[in-house]
Amino acid sequence: LVSLLLALFILSAGDTFRRKVAKLAGASLARRRVTIEVLNEID
């Protein structure tokens, strides 16, 4: 039940979580590109 509730919040957030992770990767465009590639592959 806790997992489903967490999944509901993550799904409702859309791409917000992905954008925050890419922002935390650094200011470099290359770092953000690699981070997005990793997230897409994980998906």
ModelCIF file with pLDDT and N, C-alpha, C, O atoms, coordinates in Angstrom:
data_MODEL
#
_entry.id   MODEL 
#
_entity.id                         1 
_entity.type                       polymer 
_entity.pdbx_number_of_molecules   1 
#
_entity_poly.entity_id                      1 
_entity_poly.type                           'polypeptide(L)' 
_entity_poly.nstd_linkage                   no 
_entity_poly.nstd_monomer                   no 
_entity_poly.pdbx_seq_one_letter_code       LVSLLLALFILSAGDTFRRKVAKLAGASLARRRVTIEVLNEID 
_entity_poly.pdbx_seq_one_letter_code_can   LVSLLLALFILSAGDTFRRKVAKLAGASLARRRVTIEVLNEID 
_entity_poly.pdbx_strand_id                 A 
#
loop_
_entity_poly_seq.entity_id 
_entity_poly_seq.num 
_entity_poly_seq.mon_id 
_entity_poly_seq.hetero 
1 1  LEU n 
1 2  VAL n 
1 3  SER n 
1 4  LEU n 
1 5  LEU n 
1 6  LEU n 
1 7  ALA n 
1 8  LEU n 
1 9  PHE n 
1 10 ILE n 
1 11 LEU n 
1 12 SER n 
1 13 ALA n 
1 14 GLY n 
1 15 ASP n 
1 16 THR n 
1 17 PHE n 
1 18 ARG n 
1 19 ARG n 
1 20 LYS n 
1 21 VAL n 
1 22 ALA n 
1 23 LYS n 
1 24 LEU n 
1 25 ALA n 
1 26 GLY n 
1 27 ALA n 
1 28 SER n 
1 29 LEU n 
1 30 ALA n 
1 31 ARG n 
1 32 ARG n 
1 33 ARG n 
1 34 VAL n 
1 35 THR n 
1 36 ILE n 
1 37 GLU n 
1 38 VAL n 
1 39 LEU n 
1 40 ASN n 
1 41 GLU n 
1 42 ILE n 
1 43 ASP n 
#
_struct_asym.id          A 
_struct_asym.entity_id   1 
#
loop_
_ma_qa_metric.id 
_ma_qa_metric.mode 
_ma_qa_metric.name 
_ma_qa_metric.software_group_id 
_ma_qa_metric.type 
1 global pLDDT . pLDDT 
2 local  pLDDT . pLDDT 
#
_ma_qa_metric_global.metric_id      1 
_ma_qa_metric_global.metric_value   79.40 
_ma_qa_metric_global.model_id       1 
_ma_qa_metric_global.ordinal_id     1 
#
loop_
_ma_qa_metric_local.label_asym_id 
_ma_qa_metric_local.label_comp_id 
_ma_qa_metric_local.label_seq_id 
_ma_qa_metric_local.metric_id 
_ma_qa_metric_local.metric_value 
_ma_qa_metric_local.model_id 
_ma_qa_metric_local.ordinal_id 
A LEU 1  2 88.00 1 1  
A VAL 2  2 88.00 1 2  
A SER 3  2 89.00 1 3  
A LEU 4  2 89.00 1 4  
A LEU 5  2 91.00 1 5  
A LEU 6  2 90.00 1 6  
A ALA 7  2 88.00 1 7  
A LEU 8  2 89.00 1 8  
A PHE 9  2 89.00 1 9  
A ILE 10 2 87.00 1 10 
A LEU 11 2 87.00 1 11 
A SER 12 2 86.00 1 12 
A ALA 13 2 82.00 1 13 
A GLY 14 2 76.00 1 14 
A ASP 15 2 74.00 1 15 
A THR 16 2 75.00 1 16 
A PHE 17 2 73.00 1 17 
A ARG 18 2 74.00 1 18 
A ARG 19 2 76.00 1 19 
A LYS 20 2 75.00 1 20 
A VAL 21 2 73.00 1 21 
A ALA 22 2 73.00 1 22 
A LYS 23 2 74.00 1 23 
A LEU 24 2 75.00 1 24 
A ALA 25 2 70.00 1 25 
A GLY 26 2 68.00 1 26 
A ALA 27 2 69.00 1 27 
A SER 28 2 73.00 1 28 
A LEU 29 2 76.00 1 29 
A ALA 30 2 75.00 1 30 
A ARG 31 2 75.00 1 31 
A ARG 32 2 77.00 1 32 
A ARG 33 2 79.00 1 33 
A VAL 34 2 77.00 1 34 
A THR 35 2 79.00 1 35 
A ILE 36 2 80.00 1 36 
A GLU 37 2 78.00 1 37 
A VAL 38 2 79.00 1 38 
A LEU 39 2 80.00 1 39 
A ASN 40 2 80.00 1 40 
A GLU 41 2 79.00 1 41 
A ILE 42 2 80.00 1 42 
A ASP 43 2 79.00 1 43 
#
loop_
_atom_site.group_PDB 
_atom_site.id 
_atom_site.type_symbol 
_atom_site.label_atom_id 
_atom_site.label_alt_id 
_atom_site.label_comp_id 
_atom_site.label_asym_id 
_atom_site.label_entity_id 
_atom_site.label_seq_id 
_atom_site.pdbx_PDB_ins_code 
_atom_site.Cartn_x 
_atom_site.Cartn_y 
_atom_site.Cartn_z 
_atom_site.occupancy 
_atom_site.B_iso_or_equiv 
_atom_site.pdbx_formal_charge 
_atom_site.auth_seq_id 
_atom_site.auth_comp_id 
_atom_site.auth_asym_id 
_atom_site.auth_atom_id 
_atom_site.pdbx_PDB_model_num 
ATOM 1   N N  . LEU A 1 1  ? 0.825  -1.208 0.000   1.00 88.00 ? 1  LEU A N  1 
ATOM 2   C CA . LEU A 1 1  ? 0.000  0.000  0.000   1.00 88.00 ? 1  LEU A CA 1 
ATOM 3   C C  . LEU A 1 1  ? 0.861  1.260  0.000   1.00 88.00 ? 1  LEU A C  1 
ATOM 4   O O  . LEU A 1 1  ? 0.563  2.221  -0.710  1.00 88.00 ? 1  LEU A O  1 
ATOM 5   N N  . VAL A 1 2  ? 1.927  1.253  0.796   1.00 88.00 ? 2  VAL A N  1 
ATOM 6   C CA . VAL A 1 2  ? 2.833  2.399  0.801   1.00 88.00 ? 2  VAL A CA 1 
ATOM 7   C C  . VAL A 1 2  ? 3.503  2.560  -0.566  1.00 88.00 ? 2  VAL A C  1 
ATOM 8   O O  . VAL A 1 2  ? 3.681  3.681  -1.042  1.00 88.00 ? 2  VAL A O  1 
ATOM 9   N N  . SER A 1 3  ? 3.874  1.445  -1.194  1.00 89.00 ? 3  SER A N  1 
ATOM 10  C CA . SER A 1 3  ? 4.504  1.503  -2.516  1.00 89.00 ? 3  SER A CA 1 
ATOM 11  C C  . SER A 1 3  ? 3.547  2.078  -3.556  1.00 89.00 ? 3  SER A C  1 
ATOM 12  O O  . SER A 1 3  ? 3.952  2.891  -4.388  1.00 89.00 ? 3  SER A O  1 
ATOM 13  N N  . LEU A 1 4  ? 2.293  1.667  -3.517  1.00 89.00 ? 4  LEU A N  1 
ATOM 14  C CA . LEU A 1 4  ? 1.310  2.200  -4.458  1.00 89.00 ? 4  LEU A CA 1 
ATOM 15  C C  . LEU A 1 4  ? 1.075  3.683  -4.237  1.00 89.00 ? 4  LEU A C  1 
ATOM 16  O O  . LEU A 1 4  ? 0.920  4.442  -5.193  1.00 89.00 ? 4  LEU A O  1 
ATOM 17  N N  . LEU A 1 5  ? 1.048  4.098  -2.972  1.00 91.00 ? 5  LEU A N  1 
ATOM 18  C CA . LEU A 1 5  ? 0.868  5.527  -2.689  1.00 91.00 ? 5  LEU A CA 1 
ATOM 19  C C  . LEU A 1 5  ? 2.051  6.338  -3.208  1.00 91.00 ? 5  LEU A C  1 
ATOM 20  O O  . LEU A 1 5  ? 1.868  7.412  -3.781  1.00 91.00 ? 5  LEU A O  1 
ATOM 21  N N  . LEU A 1 6  ? 3.257  5.827  -3.010  1.00 90.00 ? 6  LEU A N  1 
ATOM 22  C CA . LEU A 1 6  ? 4.447  6.514  -3.522  1.00 90.00 ? 6  LEU A CA 1 
ATOM 23  C C  . LEU A 1 6  ? 4.439  6.547  -5.047  1.00 90.00 ? 6  LEU A C  1 
ATOM 24  O O  . LEU A 1 6  ? 4.786  7.561  -5.653  1.00 90.00 ? 6  LEU A O  1 
ATOM 25  N N  . ALA A 1 7  ? 4.041  5.433  -5.665  1.00 88.00 ? 7  ALA A N  1 
ATOM 26  C CA . ALA A 1 7  ? 3.960  5.401  -7.131  1.00 88.00 ? 7  ALA A CA 1 
ATOM 27  C C  . ALA A 1 7  ? 2.953  6.425  -7.645  1.00 88.00 ? 7  ALA A C  1 
ATOM 28  O O  . ALA A 1 7  ? 3.178  7.049  -8.681  1.00 88.00 ? 7  ALA A O  1 
ATOM 29  N N  . LEU A 1 8  ? 1.848  6.600  -6.930  1.00 89.00 ? 8  LEU A N  1 
ATOM 30  C CA . LEU A 1 8  ? 0.852  7.610  -7.327  1.00 89.00 ? 8  LEU A CA 1 
ATOM 31  C C  . LEU A 1 8  ? 1.457  9.010  -7.317  1.00 89.00 ? 8  LEU A C  1 
ATOM 32  O O  . LEU A 1 8  ? 1.236  9.787  -8.246  1.00 89.00 ? 8  LEU A O  1 
ATOM 33  N N  . PHE A 1 9  ? 2.216  9.335  -6.279  1.00 89.00 ? 9  PHE A N  1 
ATOM 34  C CA . PHE A 1 9  ? 2.839  10.665 -6.207  1.00 89.00 ? 9  PHE A CA 1 
ATOM 35  C C  . PHE A 1 9  ? 3.879  10.852 -7.301  1.00 89.00 ? 9  PHE A C  1 
ATOM 36  O O  . PHE A 1 9  ? 3.959  11.919 -7.911  1.00 89.00 ? 9  PHE A O  1 
ATOM 37  N N  . ILE A 1 10 ? 4.686  9.806  -7.553  1.00 87.00 ? 10 ILE A N  1 
ATOM 38  C CA . ILE A 1 10 ? 5.722  9.917  -8.593  1.00 87.00 ? 10 ILE A CA 1 
ATOM 39  C C  . ILE A 1 10 ? 5.087  10.079 -9.969  1.00 87.00 ? 10 ILE A C  1 
ATOM 40  O O  . ILE A 1 10 ? 5.539  10.898 -10.770 1.00 87.00 ? 10 ILE A O  1 
ATOM 41  N N  . LEU A 1 11 ? 4.043  9.303  -10.246 1.00 87.00 ? 11 LEU A N  1 
ATOM 42  C CA . LEU A 1 11 ? 3.370  9.409  -11.540 1.00 87.00 ? 11 LEU A CA 1 
ATOM 43  C C  . LEU A 1 11 ? 2.674  10.768 -11.688 1.00 87.00 ? 11 LEU A C  1 
ATOM 44  O O  . LEU A 1 11 ? 2.637  11.338 -12.779 1.00 87.00 ? 11 LEU A O  1 
ATOM 45  N N  . SER A 1 12 ? 2.132  11.272 -10.599 1.00 86.00 ? 12 SER A N  1 
ATOM 46  C CA . SER A 1 12 ? 1.460  12.568 -10.671 1.00 86.00 ? 12 SER A CA 1 
ATOM 47  C C  . SER A 1 12 ? 2.443  13.703 -10.923 1.00 86.00 ? 12 SER A C  1 
ATOM 48  O O  . SER A 1 12 ? 2.096  14.716 -11.530 1.00 86.00 ? 12 SER A O  1 
ATOM 49  N N  . ALA A 1 13 ? 3.679  13.523 -10.448 1.00 82.00 ? 13 ALA A N  1 
ATOM 50  C CA . ALA A 1 13 ? 4.680  14.580 -10.625 1.00 82.00 ? 13 ALA A CA 1 
ATOM 51  C C  . ALA A 1 13 ? 5.153  14.691 -12.056 1.00 82.00 ? 13 ALA A C  1 
ATOM 52  O O  . ALA A 1 13 ? 5.710  15.720 -12.439 1.00 82.00 ? 13 ALA A O  1 
ATOM 53  N N  . GLY A 1 14 ? 4.946  13.660 -12.859 1.00 76.00 ? 14 GLY A N  1 
ATOM 54  C CA . GLY A 1 14 ? 5.374  13.717 -14.256 1.00 76.00 ? 14 GLY A CA 1 
ATOM 55  C C  . GLY A 1 14 ? 6.881  13.731 -14.389 1.00 76.00 ? 14 GLY A C  1 
ATOM 56  O O  . GLY A 1 14 ? 7.569  12.895 -13.803 1.00 76.00 ? 14 GLY A O  1 
ATOM 57  N N  . ASP A 1 15 ? 7.404  14.688 -15.168 1.00 74.00 ? 15 ASP A N  1 
ATOM 58  C CA . ASP A 1 15 ? 8.839  14.800 -15.414 1.00 74.00 ? 15 ASP A CA 1 
ATOM 59  C C  . ASP A 1 15 ? 9.542  15.697 -14.398 1.00 74.00 ? 15 ASP A C  1 
ATOM 60  O O  . ASP A 1 15 ? 10.711 16.036 -14.585 1.00 74.00 ? 15 ASP A O  1 
ATOM 61  N N  . THR A 1 16 ? 8.863  16.079 -13.345 1.00 75.00 ? 16 THR A N  1 
ATOM 62  C CA . THR A 1 16 ? 9.485  16.958 -12.352 1.00 75.00 ? 16 THR A CA 1 
ATOM 63  C C  . THR A 1 16 ? 10.685 16.298 -11.699 1.00 75.00 ? 16 THR A C  1 
ATOM 64  O O  . THR A 1 16 ? 11.734 16.918 -11.530 1.00 75.00 ? 16 THR A O  1 
ATOM 65  N N  . PHE A 1 17 ? 10.521 15.041 -11.336 1.00 73.00 ? 17 PHE A N  1 
ATOM 66  C CA . PHE A 1 17 ? 11.613 14.328 -10.681 1.00 73.00 ? 17 PHE A CA 1 
ATOM 67  C C  . PHE A 1 17 ? 12.817 14.191 -11.615 1.00 73.00 ? 17 PHE A C  1 
ATOM 68  O O  . PHE A 1 17 ? 13.959 14.345 -11.182 1.00 73.00 ? 17 PHE A O  1 
ATOM 69  N N  . ARG A 1 18 ? 12.562 13.903 -12.895 1.00 74.00 ? 18 ARG A N  1 
ATOM 70  C CA . ARG A 1 18 ? 13.656 13.764 -13.851 1.00 74.00 ? 18 ARG A CA 1 
ATOM 71  C C  . ARG A 1 18 ? 14.388 15.097 -14.040 1.00 74.00 ? 18 ARG A C  1 
ATOM 72  O O  . ARG A 1 18 ? 15.616 15.122 -14.127 1.00 74.00 ? 18 ARG A O  1 
ATOM 73  N N  . ARG A 1 19 ? 13.645 16.192 -14.101 1.00 76.00 ? 19 ARG A N  1 
ATOM 74  C CA . ARG A 1 19 ? 14.285 17.494 -14.262 1.00 76.00 ? 19 ARG A CA 1 
ATOM 75  C C  . ARG A 1 19 ? 15.134 17.858 -13.049 1.00 76.00 ? 19 ARG A C  1 
ATOM 76  O O  . ARG A 1 19 ? 16.209 18.441 -13.194 1.00 76.00 ? 19 ARG A O  1 
ATOM 77  N N  . LYS A 1 20 ? 14.659 17.520 -11.860 1.00 75.00 ? 20 LYS A N  1 
ATOM 78  C CA . LYS A 1 20 ? 15.432 17.811 -10.659 1.00 75.00 ? 20 LYS A CA 1 
ATOM 79  C C  . LYS A 1 20 ? 16.720 16.991 -10.619 1.00 75.00 ? 20 LYS A C  1 
ATOM 80  O O  . LYS A 1 20 ? 17.774 17.499 -10.237 1.00 75.00 ? 20 LYS A O  1 
ATOM 81  N N  . VAL A 1 21 ? 16.629 15.717 -11.017 1.00 73.00 ? 21 VAL A N  1 
ATOM 82  C CA . VAL A 1 21 ? 17.839 14.883 -11.043 1.00 73.00 ? 21 VAL A CA 1 
ATOM 83  C C  . VAL A 1 21 ? 18.835 15.427 -12.058 1.00 73.00 ? 21 VAL A C  1 
ATOM 84  O O  . VAL A 1 21 ? 20.033 15.487 -11.783 1.00 73.00 ? 21 VAL A O  1 
ATOM 85  N N  . ALA A 1 22 ? 18.343 15.827 -13.237 1.00 73.00 ? 22 ALA A N  1 
ATOM 86  C CA . ALA A 1 22 ? 19.241 16.398 -14.247 1.00 73.00 ? 22 ALA A CA 1 
ATOM 87  C C  . ALA A 1 22 ? 19.875 17.701 -13.755 1.00 73.00 ? 22 ALA A C  1 
ATOM 88  O O  . ALA A 1 22 ? 21.038 17.973 -14.051 1.00 73.00 ? 22 ALA A O  1 
ATOM 89  N N  . LYS A 1 23 ? 19.117 18.506 -13.007 1.00 74.00 ? 23 LYS A N  1 
ATOM 90  C CA . LYS A 1 23 ? 19.659 19.749 -12.476 1.00 74.00 ? 23 LYS A CA 1 
ATOM 91  C C  . LYS A 1 23 ? 20.729 19.485 -11.438 1.00 74.00 ? 23 LYS A C  1 
ATOM 92  O O  . LYS A 1 23 ? 21.734 20.194 -11.378 1.00 74.00 ? 23 LYS A O  1 
ATOM 93  N N  . LEU A 1 24 ? 20.514 18.441 -10.599 1.00 75.00 ? 24 LEU A N  1 
ATOM 94  C CA . LEU A 1 24 ? 21.508 18.102 -9.585  1.00 75.00 ? 24 LEU A CA 1 
ATOM 95  C C  . LEU A 1 24 ? 22.780 17.510 -10.183 1.00 75.00 ? 24 LEU A C  1 
ATOM 96  O O  . LEU A 1 24 ? 23.821 17.487 -9.526  1.00 75.00 ? 24 LEU A O  1 
ATOM 97  N N  . ALA A 1 25 ? 22.702 17.029 -11.433 1.00 70.00 ? 25 ALA A N  1 
ATOM 98  C CA . ALA A 1 25 ? 23.889 16.441 -12.061 1.00 70.00 ? 25 ALA A CA 1 
ATOM 99  C C  . ALA A 1 25 ? 24.971 17.469 -12.313 1.00 70.00 ? 25 ALA A C  1 
ATOM 100 O O  . ALA A 1 25 ? 26.140 17.106 -12.439 1.00 70.00 ? 25 ALA A O  1 
ATOM 101 N N  . GLY A 1 26 ? 24.618 18.738 -12.390 1.00 68.00 ? 26 GLY A N  1 
ATOM 102 C CA . GLY A 1 26 ? 25.617 19.779 -12.587 1.00 68.00 ? 26 GLY A CA 1 
ATOM 103 C C  . GLY A 1 26 ? 25.165 20.779 -13.632 1.00 68.00 ? 26 GLY A C  1 
ATOM 104 O O  . GLY A 1 26 ? 24.155 20.591 -14.311 1.00 68.00 ? 26 GLY A O  1 
ATOM 105 N N  . ALA A 1 27 ? 25.943 21.847 -13.743 1.00 69.00 ? 27 ALA A N  1 
ATOM 106 C CA . ALA A 1 27 ? 25.601 22.893 -14.704 1.00 69.00 ? 27 ALA A CA 1 
ATOM 107 C C  . ALA A 1 27 ? 26.034 22.562 -16.116 1.00 69.00 ? 27 ALA A C  1 
ATOM 108 O O  . ALA A 1 27 ? 25.565 23.180 -17.072 1.00 69.00 ? 27 ALA A O  1 
ATOM 109 N N  . SER A 1 28 ? 26.921 21.598 -16.259 1.00 73.00 ? 28 SER A N  1 
ATOM 110 C CA . SER A 1 28 ? 27.431 21.237 -17.583 1.00 73.00 ? 28 SER A CA 1 
ATOM 111 C C  . SER A 1 28 ? 26.325 20.586 -18.410 1.00 73.00 ? 28 SER A C  1 
ATOM 112 O O  . SER A 1 28 ? 25.569 19.749 -17.918 1.00 73.00 ? 28 SER A O  1 
ATOM 113 N N  . LEU A 1 29 ? 26.249 20.993 -19.685 1.00 76.00 ? 29 LEU A N  1 
ATOM 114 C CA . LEU A 1 29 ? 25.260 20.406 -20.576 1.00 76.00 ? 29 LEU A CA 1 
ATOM 115 C C  . LEU A 1 29 ? 25.555 18.938 -20.844 1.00 76.00 ? 29 LEU A C  1 
ATOM 116 O O  . LEU A 1 29 ? 24.629 18.142 -21.001 1.00 76.00 ? 29 LEU A O  1 
ATOM 117 N N  . ALA A 1 30 ? 26.835 18.567 -20.899 1.00 75.00 ? 30 ALA A N  1 
ATOM 118 C CA . ALA A 1 30 ? 27.206 17.173 -21.127 1.00 75.00 ? 30 ALA A CA 1 
ATOM 119 C C  . ALA A 1 30 ? 26.768 16.292 -19.958 1.00 75.00 ? 30 ALA A C  1 
ATOM 120 O O  . ALA A 1 30 ? 26.262 15.190 -20.166 1.00 75.00 ? 30 ALA A O  1 
ATOM 121 N N  . ARG A 1 31 ? 26.961 16.775 -18.734 1.00 75.00 ? 31 ARG A N  1 
ATOM 122 C CA . ARG A 1 31 ? 26.534 16.002 -17.564 1.00 75.00 ? 31 ARG A CA 1 
ATOM 123 C C  . ARG A 1 31 ? 25.016 15.802 -17.562 1.00 75.00 ? 31 ARG A C  1 
ATOM 124 O O  . ARG A 1 31 ? 24.528 14.711 -17.270 1.00 75.00 ? 31 ARG A O  1 
ATOM 125 N N  . ARG A 1 32 ? 24.282 16.857 -17.887 1.00 77.00 ? 32 ARG A N  1 
ATOM 126 C CA . ARG A 1 32 ? 22.825 16.712 -17.910 1.00 77.00 ? 32 ARG A CA 1 
ATOM 127 C C  . ARG A 1 32 ? 22.374 15.765 -19.017 1.00 77.00 ? 32 ARG A C  1 
ATOM 128 O O  . ARG A 1 32 ? 21.424 15.002 -18.840 1.00 77.00 ? 32 ARG A O  1 
ATOM 129 N N  . ARG A 1 33 ? 23.058 15.816 -20.158 1.00 79.00 ? 33 ARG A N  1 
ATOM 130 C CA . ARG A 1 33 ? 22.702 14.906 -21.249 1.00 79.00 ? 33 ARG A CA 1 
ATOM 131 C C  . ARG A 1 33 ? 22.937 13.464 -20.845 1.00 79.00 ? 33 ARG A C  1 
ATOM 132 O O  . ARG A 1 33 ? 22.098 12.603 -21.109 1.00 79.00 ? 33 ARG A O  1 
ATOM 133 N N  . VAL A 1 34 ? 24.077 13.186 -20.204 1.00 77.00 ? 34 VAL A N  1 
ATOM 134 C CA . VAL A 1 34 ? 24.361 11.821 -19.746 1.00 77.00 ? 34 VAL A CA 1 
ATOM 135 C C  . VAL A 1 34 ? 23.338 11.380 -18.703 1.00 77.00 ? 34 VAL A C  1 
ATOM 136 O O  . VAL A 1 34 ? 22.903 10.229 -18.711 1.00 77.00 ? 34 VAL A O  1 
ATOM 137 N N  . THR A 1 35 ? 22.954 12.283 -17.811 1.00 79.00 ? 35 THR A N  1 
ATOM 138 C CA . THR A 1 35 ? 21.961 11.940 -16.787 1.00 79.00 ? 35 THR A CA 1 
ATOM 139 C C  . THR A 1 35 ? 20.616 11.586 -17.421 1.00 79.00 ? 35 THR A C  1 
ATOM 140 O O  . THR A 1 35 ? 19.976 10.614 -17.019 1.00 79.00 ? 35 THR A O  1 
ATOM 141 N N  . ILE A 1 36 ? 20.188 12.370 -18.407 1.00 80.00 ? 36 ILE A N  1 
ATOM 142 C CA . ILE A 1 36 ? 18.930 12.071 -19.084 1.00 80.00 ? 36 ILE A CA 1 
ATOM 143 C C  . ILE A 1 36 ? 19.017 10.735 -19.814 1.00 80.00 ? 36 ILE A C  1 
ATOM 144 O O  . ILE A 1 36 ? 18.051 9.972  -19.819 1.00 80.00 ? 36 ILE A O  1 
ATOM 145 N N  . GLU A 1 37 ? 20.166 10.441 -20.435 1.00 78.00 ? 37 GLU A N  1 
ATOM 146 C CA . GLU A 1 37 ? 20.333 9.159  -21.101 1.00 78.00 ? 37 GLU A CA 1 
ATOM 147 C C  . GLU A 1 37 ? 20.229 8.001  -20.111 1.00 78.00 ? 37 GLU A C  1 
ATOM 148 O O  . GLU A 1 37 ? 19.607 6.980  -20.402 1.00 78.00 ? 37 GLU A O  1 
ATOM 149 N N  . VAL A 1 38 ? 20.847 8.168  -18.934 1.00 79.00 ? 38 VAL A N  1 
ATOM 150 C CA . VAL A 1 38 ? 20.767 7.118  -17.909 1.00 79.00 ? 38 VAL A CA 1 
ATOM 151 C C  . VAL A 1 38 ? 19.328 6.919  -17.448 1.00 79.00 ? 38 VAL A C  1 
ATOM 152 O O  . VAL A 1 38 ? 18.879 5.781  -17.307 1.00 79.00 ? 38 VAL A O  1 
ATOM 153 N N  . LEU A 1 39 ? 18.602 8.003  -17.211 1.00 80.00 ? 39 LEU A N  1 
ATOM 154 C CA . LEU A 1 39 ? 17.210 7.887  -16.771 1.00 80.00 ? 39 LEU A CA 1 
ATOM 155 C C  . LEU A 1 39 ? 16.338 7.237  -17.841 1.00 80.00 ? 39 LEU A C  1 
ATOM 156 O O  . LEU A 1 39 ? 15.466 6.428  -17.523 1.00 80.00 ? 39 LEU A O  1 
ATOM 157 N N  . ASN A 1 40 ? 16.568 7.585  -19.115 1.00 80.00 ? 40 ASN A N  1 
ATOM 158 C CA . ASN A 1 40 ? 15.802 6.960  -20.192 1.00 80.00 ? 40 ASN A CA 1 
ATOM 159 C C  . ASN A 1 40 ? 16.099 5.468  -20.297 1.00 80.00 ? 40 ASN A C  1 
ATOM 160 O O  . ASN A 1 40 ? 15.201 4.657  -20.523 1.00 80.00 ? 40 ASN A O  1 
ATOM 161 N N  . GLU A 1 41 ? 17.375 5.119  -20.128 1.00 79.00 ? 41 GLU A N  1 
ATOM 162 C CA . GLU A 1 41 ? 17.716 3.693  -20.208 1.00 79.00 ? 41 GLU A CA 1 
ATOM 163 C C  . GLU A 1 41 ? 17.147 2.928  -19.024 1.00 79.00 ? 41 GLU A C  1 
ATOM 164 O O  . GLU A 1 41 ? 16.684 1.798  -19.181 1.00 79.00 ? 41 GLU A O  1 
ATOM 165 N N  . ILE A 1 42 ? 17.177 3.529  -17.842 1.00 80.00 ? 42 ILE A N  1 
ATOM 166 C CA . ILE A 1 42 ? 16.569 2.876  -16.674 1.00 80.00 ? 42 ILE A CA 1 
ATOM 167 C C  . ILE A 1 42 ? 15.083 2.661  -16.915 1.00 80.00 ? 42 ILE A C  1 
ATOM 168 O O  . ILE A 1 42 ? 14.545 1.599  -16.604 1.00 80.00 ? 42 ILE A O  1 
ATOM 169 N N  . ASP A 1 43 ? 14.422 3.672  -17.471 1.00 79.00 ? 43 ASP A N  1 
ATOM 170 C CA . ASP A 1 43 ? 13.000 3.562  -17.792 1.00 79.00 ? 43 ASP A CA 1 
ATOM 171 C C  . ASP A 1 43 ? 12.754 2.387  -18.736 1.00 79.00 ? 43 ASP A C  1 
ATOM 172 O O  . ASP A 1 43 ? 11.613 2.132  -19.121 1.00 79.00 ? 43 ASP A O  1 
#
